[in-house]
Amino acid sequence: MKEMFASAAEVLRGSQTESLHFAAAAVVDREGRLIAQLGSADLVTYSRSSLKPFQALPTVMRGFPDRFGLGDHHLALICASHSGEDRHIGAAREILAAIDAKEDHLQCGVHIPLIYRDNEVPIPARKSFSPVYNNCSGKHSGMLALSRILGLPFENYFDVQSPLQRLIRAQVAQTLGVEPNNMIHGIDGCSVPNYAVPLRTLAYGYARLAASVGPKPRTDDECHDACARIVGAMRGYPEMISGEGRFDLALARATNGRVFCKAGGEAIECAGIPERGWGIAVKIADGAPRAVAPVVIGVLRQLDLLSPAELTALEKLAQPVLSNHRGIAIGTIRMIGELVRNA
């Protein structure tokens, strides 16, 4: 597997390279053609939370959010890995109330909200957290909404053999253009099924999302409108997809929504480029989050997808400064990998 990655980012201490991060990336168009790659586009890797927009498709195709009198910011949340900010918790609770569900129905588990990790915000004294604060509570609320629509019980919605997860798996496979049985199954951090596919397949999924912003294709594509609704929500409410201090939101703001993106655990990041109908998938080999922004921005730069103004806005993320415990700048991280273009 290691031969499928390429040198992608170097960590400098002073002027000397101290560490290297390896990565693989795939850039694919709406027809599934490989435009460029770093390492191997055929690397099979878990999609983690980059899968959320596709897991939301069956729910949107059956009328969410309008069916429950909800809005696109609620739709964005069911595609999110949110930070547990007040707006995120409020929207999750509104979804649960609209579908007549309780927080106890969420089976995503509990963790300290990401807002405290990403912004170095101290946890308030005596503050306690419930599953609604989990970064995946939006996704789980969306799955409960789909269960409500289909008349399925809430109790086992997260089980891989449940009717709900079989339906989601089939739609994910259809959208990614693969056979369901060819997706390797694992359990995500929030306890629902997750799937491993080649990077180029994941990038193709994001190309389909990106292309949905344009005219509907002549061929029958029953999920086109749902894809367009999801992308509209992600671009319209990027603050609901992640949170303050996080790369996804910074990239969306810097590009004014020209690029929409979704992170996943173990340093995977996917992006869609509506103006080109392209999808991009990036995986850092060692799962290190610190390499994600430099590599993704580097990929976008090499593809000429960022304007000079956007590159300036993203400069601190493209080459983040590393500091020691006294706050002294001691080095940086920068992209060194070069995309290989397909003829």
Protein backbone atom coordinates (compact mmCIF):
# COMPACT_ATOMS: atom_id res chain seq x y z
CA MET A 1 0.00 0.00 0.00
CA LYS A 2 2.82 2.44 0.79
CA GLU A 3 3.85 2.62 -2.87
CA MET A 4 0.47 4.22 -3.64
CA PHE A 5 1.42 7.40 -1.76
CA ALA A 6 3.81 10.17 -2.82
CA SER A 7 5.76 12.75 -0.85
CA ALA A 8 3.29 15.56 -0.34
CA ALA A 9 4.25 17.92 2.49
CA GLU A 10 7.41 18.68 4.40
CA VAL A 11 7.70 19.93 7.95
CA LEU A 12 10.52 22.44 8.35
CA ARG A 13 12.30 23.34 11.57
CA GLY A 14 14.15 26.46 10.58
CA SER A 15 15.33 25.76 7.05
CA GLN A 16 15.86 22.02 7.57
CA THR A 17 13.31 19.36 6.67
CA GLU A 18 12.43 17.50 9.86
CA SER A 19 9.47 15.34 8.79
CA LEU A 20 7.57 14.33 5.68
CA HIS A 21 3.90 13.57 5.08
CA PHE A 22 2.90 11.31 2.21
CA ALA A 23 -0.45 11.54 0.43
CA ALA A 24 -2.54 10.37 -2.48
CA ALA A 25 -5.01 12.47 -4.45
CA ALA A 26 -7.39 12.07 -7.36
CA VAL A 27 -9.02 14.72 -9.55
CA VAL A 28 -11.93 13.46 -11.64
CA ASP A 29 -14.46 15.09 -13.99
CA ARG A 30 -18.21 14.52 -14.20
CA GLU A 31 -17.71 11.73 -16.75
CA GLY A 32 -15.41 9.87 -14.39
CA ARG A 33 -12.26 10.70 -16.33
CA LEU A 34 -9.10 11.03 -14.26
CA ILE A 35 -7.65 14.51 -14.75
CA ALA A 36 -4.70 14.34 -12.38
CA GLN A 37 -3.35 12.36 -9.47
CA LEU A 38 -0.76 12.41 -6.73
CA GLY A 39 0.50 8.98 -5.87
CA SER A 40 -2.19 6.55 -6.98
CA ALA A 41 -5.83 7.48 -7.65
CA ASP A 42 -6.61 3.79 -7.14
CA LEU A 43 -5.76 3.88 -3.44
CA VAL A 44 -8.61 2.26 -1.52
CA THR A 45 -9.41 4.18 1.65
CA TYR A 46 -12.29 4.73 4.03
CA SER A 47 -14.40 7.73 3.13
CA ARG A 48 -15.17 8.58 6.77
CA SER A 49 -17.19 11.81 7.10
CA SER A 50 -16.57 12.84 3.48
CA LEU A 51 -19.35 10.30 2.79
CA LYS A 52 -22.01 12.35 4.61
CA PRO A 53 -23.45 14.19 1.58
CA PHE A 54 -24.06 10.83 -0.10
CA GLN A 55 -25.52 9.27 3.04
CA ALA A 56 -27.96 12.20 3.09
CA LEU A 57 -29.21 11.58 -0.45
CA PRO A 58 -32.02 9.09 0.34
CA THR A 59 -33.36 11.49 2.98
CA VAL A 60 -33.35 14.45 0.60
CA MET A 61 -34.82 12.38 -2.23
CA ARG A 62 -37.81 11.71 0.04
CA GLY A 63 -38.54 15.33 0.82
CA PHE A 64 -36.20 16.48 3.58
CA PRO A 65 -36.08 19.25 4.75
CA ASP A 66 -39.34 20.67 3.33
CA ARG A 67 -41.42 17.70 4.48
CA PHE A 68 -40.80 18.69 8.09
CA GLY A 69 -40.94 22.47 7.67
CA LEU A 70 -37.17 22.78 8.01
CA GLY A 71 -34.63 24.75 5.99
CA ASP A 72 -31.41 24.34 4.05
CA HIS A 73 -29.30 25.08 7.14
CA HIS A 74 -30.81 21.92 8.65
CA LEU A 75 -29.92 20.06 5.46
CA ALA A 76 -26.35 21.34 5.70
CA LEU A 77 -26.18 20.03 9.24
CA ILE A 78 -27.06 16.46 8.24
CA CYS A 79 -24.03 16.60 5.90
CA ALA A 80 -21.82 18.10 8.61
CA SER A 81 -19.08 17.28 11.06
CA HIS A 82 -20.09 20.21 13.19
CA SER A 83 -18.15 21.84 16.01
CA GLY A 84 -20.88 21.84 18.63
CA GLU A 85 -21.47 25.58 18.40
CA ASP A 86 -24.82 26.96 19.60
CA ARG A 87 -26.13 27.19 16.03
CA HIS A 88 -25.27 23.53 15.45
CA ILE A 89 -26.88 22.26 18.63
CA GLY A 90 -29.95 24.41 18.06
CA ALA A 91 -30.42 23.12 14.50
CA ALA A 92 -29.96 19.49 15.56
CA ARG A 93 -32.57 19.89 18.27
CA GLU A 94 -34.95 21.52 15.77
CA ILE A 95 -34.61 18.49 13.48
CA LEU A 96 -35.31 16.11 16.35
CA ALA A 97 -38.35 18.12 17.42
CA ALA A 98 -39.70 18.25 13.86
CA ILE A 99 -39.53 14.45 13.47
CA ASP A 100 -40.83 13.79 17.00
CA ALA A 101 -37.56 12.21 18.17
CA LYS A 102 -35.56 12.68 21.34
CA GLU A 103 -31.87 13.16 21.95
CA ASP A 104 -31.80 9.70 23.53
CA HIS A 105 -32.61 8.24 20.10
CA LEU A 106 -29.24 9.43 18.77
CA GLN A 107 -26.78 6.52 18.78
CA CYS A 108 -23.66 8.49 17.84
CA GLY A 109 -22.11 8.52 21.31
CA VAL A 110 -20.68 11.49 23.21
CA HIS A 111 -17.41 13.39 22.88
CA ILE A 112 -16.15 16.85 23.83
CA PRO A 113 -17.35 19.25 21.09
CA LEU A 114 -14.78 20.25 18.51
CA ILE A 115 -15.23 23.95 19.24
CA TYR A 116 -13.11 23.48 22.36
CA ARG A 117 -10.39 21.64 20.45
CA ASP A 118 -10.14 23.89 17.39
CA ASN A 119 -10.36 27.28 19.09
CA GLU A 120 -8.64 26.52 22.40
CA VAL A 121 -11.84 27.55 24.17
CA PRO A 122 -11.96 26.38 27.80
CA ILE A 123 -14.79 24.03 28.67
CA PRO A 124 -17.24 25.80 30.99
CA ALA A 125 -17.26 24.53 34.56
CA ARG A 126 -19.81 21.79 35.20
CA LYS A 127 -20.67 21.69 31.50
CA SER A 128 -22.02 18.30 30.44
CA PHE A 129 -22.56 16.97 26.94
CA SER A 130 -25.16 14.69 25.37
CA PRO A 131 -25.10 12.93 21.97
CA VAL A 132 -26.50 16.04 20.27
CA TYR A 133 -23.06 17.64 20.77
CA ASN A 134 -21.37 14.84 18.81
CA ASN A 135 -20.02 16.19 15.52
CA CYS A 136 -22.15 13.57 13.71
CA SER A 137 -25.45 14.36 15.43
CA GLY A 138 -26.72 16.07 12.29
CA LYS A 139 -26.09 12.96 10.19
CA HIS A 140 -27.79 10.79 12.78
CA SER A 141 -30.74 13.19 13.00
CA GLY A 142 -31.07 12.90 9.23
CA MET A 143 -31.09 9.12 9.47
CA LEU A 144 -33.80 9.30 12.12
CA ALA A 145 -35.76 11.60 9.78
CA LEU A 146 -35.47 9.02 7.00
CA SER A 147 -36.59 6.33 9.44
CA ARG A 148 -39.63 8.45 10.29
CA ILE A 149 -40.47 8.95 6.60
CA LEU A 150 -40.20 5.22 5.89
CA GLY A 151 -42.03 4.15 9.04
CA LEU A 152 -38.98 2.29 10.34
CA PRO A 153 -38.11 1.93 14.03
CA PHE A 154 -35.48 4.17 15.56
CA GLU A 155 -33.92 1.43 17.68
CA ASN A 156 -31.55 -0.16 15.13
CA TYR A 157 -31.16 2.53 12.48
CA PHE A 158 -27.35 2.41 12.80
CA ASP A 159 -27.04 -1.36 12.24
CA VAL A 160 -25.43 -2.34 8.94
CA GLN A 161 -28.13 -4.97 8.32
CA SER A 162 -31.04 -2.65 9.09
CA PRO A 163 -33.37 -1.73 6.21
CA LEU A 164 -32.31 1.90 6.60
CA GLN A 165 -28.57 1.25 6.22
CA ARG A 166 -29.16 -1.16 3.32
CA LEU A 167 -31.09 1.60 1.54
CA ILE A 168 -28.37 4.16 2.23
CA ARG A 169 -25.65 1.74 1.10
CA ALA A 170 -27.47 1.09 -2.20
CA GLN A 171 -27.86 4.83 -2.91
CA VAL A 172 -24.25 5.60 -2.01
CA ALA A 173 -23.07 2.84 -4.36
CA GLN A 174 -25.32 4.05 -7.17
CA THR A 175 -24.09 7.62 -6.85
CA LEU A 176 -20.42 6.60 -6.71
CA GLY A 177 -20.89 4.28 -9.67
CA VAL A 178 -19.86 1.05 -7.92
CA GLU A 179 -21.47 -2.22 -6.95
CA PRO A 180 -22.61 -2.21 -3.31
CA ASN A 181 -20.71 -5.42 -2.61
CA ASN A 182 -17.49 -3.80 -3.85
CA MET A 183 -17.54 -1.25 -1.05
CA ILE A 184 -15.54 -2.46 1.92
CA HIS A 185 -17.57 -2.10 5.09
CA GLY A 186 -16.34 -0.77 8.42
CA ILE A 187 -17.85 1.02 11.43
CA ASP A 188 -17.34 4.76 11.69
CA GLY A 189 -16.50 6.66 14.88
CA CYS A 190 -20.19 7.47 15.35
CA SER A 191 -21.21 3.78 15.01
CA VAL A 192 -22.91 3.83 11.58
CA PRO A 193 -21.48 1.93 8.60
CA ASN A 194 -18.72 3.53 6.58
CA TYR A 195 -17.23 2.36 3.29
CA ALA A 196 -13.79 2.17 1.69
CA VAL A 197 -13.52 2.86 -2.04
CA PRO A 198 -10.77 3.98 -4.44
CA LEU A 199 -9.91 7.68 -4.21
CA ARG A 200 -10.93 8.19 -7.84
CA THR A 201 -14.38 6.78 -7.00
CA LEU A 202 -14.82 9.20 -4.12
CA ALA A 203 -13.62 12.07 -6.32
CA TYR A 204 -16.16 11.03 -8.96
CA GLY A 205 -18.91 11.27 -6.37
CA TYR A 206 -17.88 14.85 -5.62
CA ALA A 207 -17.72 15.57 -9.35
CA ARG A 208 -21.34 14.41 -9.60
CA LEU A 209 -22.26 16.69 -6.73
CA ALA A 210 -20.40 19.59 -8.38
CA ALA A 211 -21.97 18.94 -11.78
CA SER A 212 -25.48 18.95 -10.29
CA VAL A 213 -25.26 22.74 -10.01
CA GLY A 214 -25.56 22.90 -13.82
CA PRO A 215 -28.33 21.75 -16.17
CA LYS A 216 -29.91 18.36 -15.56
CA PRO A 217 -28.33 15.75 -17.83
CA ARG A 218 -30.39 14.14 -20.58
CA THR A 219 -29.73 10.72 -19.14
CA ASP A 220 -31.96 9.61 -16.30
CA ASP A 221 -30.37 10.74 -13.05
CA GLU A 222 -32.92 10.45 -10.29
CA CYS A 223 -30.61 11.89 -7.65
CA HIS A 224 -29.58 14.99 -9.65
CA ASP A 225 -32.04 17.34 -7.93
CA ALA A 226 -31.15 15.97 -4.50
CA CYS A 227 -27.44 16.46 -5.24
CA ALA A 228 -28.14 20.04 -6.32
CA ARG A 229 -30.10 20.70 -3.13
CA ILE A 230 -27.31 19.29 -0.98
CA VAL A 231 -24.61 21.32 -2.75
CA GLY A 232 -26.76 24.44 -2.45
CA ALA A 233 -27.04 23.88 1.29
CA MET A 234 -23.31 23.19 1.69
CA ARG A 235 -22.39 26.32 -0.26
CA GLY A 236 -25.08 28.47 1.30
CA TYR A 237 -24.40 27.47 4.91
CA PRO A 238 -20.72 26.48 5.15
CA GLU A 239 -20.71 27.48 8.82
CA MET A 240 -23.05 24.56 9.46
CA ILE A 241 -20.74 22.03 7.77
CA SER A 242 -17.84 22.45 10.20
CA GLY A 243 -17.26 25.48 12.42
CA GLU A 244 -15.10 28.44 13.27
CA GLY A 245 -11.36 27.83 13.13
CA ARG A 246 -11.64 24.86 10.79
CA PHE A 247 -10.29 24.37 7.28
CA ASP A 248 -13.56 23.51 5.53
CA LEU A 249 -15.12 26.80 6.58
CA ALA A 250 -11.99 28.83 5.81
CA LEU A 251 -11.79 27.39 2.27
CA ALA A 252 -15.49 27.99 1.61
CA ARG A 253 -15.22 31.60 2.79
CA ALA A 254 -12.00 32.33 0.91
CA THR A 255 -13.51 31.07 -2.36
CA ASN A 256 -16.99 32.48 -1.71
CA GLY A 257 -18.42 29.00 -2.24
CA ARG A 258 -16.70 28.30 -5.58
CA VAL A 259 -15.16 25.33 -3.79
CA PHE A 260 -17.24 23.23 -1.40
CA CYS A 261 -15.51 20.61 0.69
CA LYS A 262 -15.96 18.01 3.38
CA ALA A 263 -13.37 16.59 5.75
CA GLY A 264 -13.27 13.11 7.19
CA GLY A 265 -11.41 11.34 9.97
CA GLU A 266 -7.83 10.16 9.51
CA ALA A 267 -7.05 13.12 7.25
CA ILE A 268 -9.25 12.65 4.22
CA GLU A 269 -10.64 15.70 2.44
CA CYS A 270 -12.92 15.91 -0.59
CA ALA A 271 -13.94 18.93 -2.63
CA GLY A 272 -16.21 19.82 -5.51
CA ILE A 273 -15.65 22.52 -8.14
CA PRO A 274 -19.05 23.38 -9.68
CA GLU A 275 -17.64 25.68 -12.37
CA ARG A 276 -15.62 22.76 -13.77
CA GLY A 277 -17.76 19.81 -12.70
CA TRP A 278 -14.69 18.34 -10.99
CA GLY A 279 -14.28 16.34 -7.83
CA ILE A 280 -11.14 16.05 -5.72
CA ALA A 281 -10.25 13.50 -3.04
CA VAL A 282 -7.10 13.71 -0.90
CA LYS A 283 -5.83 11.25 1.72
CA ILE A 284 -2.85 11.89 4.00
CA ALA A 285 -1.07 8.58 4.54
CA ASP A 286 -0.42 8.87 8.28
CA GLY A 287 -3.80 10.44 9.08
CA ALA A 288 -2.19 13.69 10.28
CA PRO A 289 -4.68 16.60 10.16
CA ARG A 290 -1.87 19.17 10.09
CA ALA A 291 -0.98 18.19 6.52
CA VAL A 292 -4.50 18.47 5.09
CA ALA A 293 -4.73 22.21 4.44
CA PRO A 294 -1.25 22.59 2.88
CA VAL A 295 -1.81 19.62 0.56
CA VAL A 296 -5.38 20.47 -0.45
CA ILE A 297 -4.52 24.11 -1.10
CA GLY A 298 -1.45 22.94 -3.01
CA VAL A 299 -3.59 20.68 -5.19
CA LEU A 300 -6.04 23.50 -5.90
CA ARG A 301 -3.15 25.85 -6.73
CA GLN A 302 -1.57 23.39 -9.14
CA LEU A 303 -4.92 23.01 -10.89
CA ASP A 304 -5.17 26.82 -11.25
CA LEU A 305 -8.42 26.79 -9.29
CA LEU A 306 -7.52 29.58 -6.87
CA SER A 307 -7.21 33.27 -7.72
CA PRO A 308 -4.33 35.38 -6.38
CA ALA A 309 -6.73 36.95 -3.86
CA GLU A 310 -7.91 33.52 -2.70
CA LEU A 311 -4.33 32.27 -2.36
CA THR A 312 -3.52 35.32 -0.25
CA ALA A 313 -6.55 34.67 1.96
CA LEU A 314 -5.44 31.06 2.44
CA GLU A 315 -1.72 31.77 2.84
CA LYS A 316 -1.58 31.04 6.58
CA LEU A 317 -3.26 27.68 6.03
CA ALA A 318 -1.19 26.81 2.97
CA GLN A 319 2.04 27.25 4.97
CA PRO A 320 1.07 27.19 8.63
CA VAL A 321 3.67 28.49 11.05
CA LEU A 322 4.73 26.06 13.77
CA SER A 323 5.40 27.45 17.25
CA ASN A 324 6.99 26.04 20.35
CA HIS A 325 5.59 26.14 23.90
CA ARG A 326 6.73 29.73 24.36
CA GLY A 327 4.97 30.83 21.19
CA ILE A 328 8.21 31.24 19.22
CA ALA A 329 7.91 30.47 15.51
CA ILE A 330 10.21 27.54 14.77
CA GLY A 331 9.16 26.32 11.32
CA THR A 332 6.40 25.66 8.86
CA ILE A 333 4.59 23.01 6.79
CA ARG A 334 4.45 23.28 3.01
CA MET A 335 3.26 21.28 0.03
CA ILE A 336 6.04 19.68 -2.02
CA GLY A 337 4.14 17.07 -4.03
CA GLU A 338 3.46 17.57 -7.74
CA LEU A 339 0.30 16.39 -9.45
CA VAL A 340 0.71 14.15 -12.49
CA ARG A 341 -1.67 15.26 -15.24
CA ASN A 342 -3.37 12.72 -17.48
CA ALA A 343 -2.99 13.25 -21.20
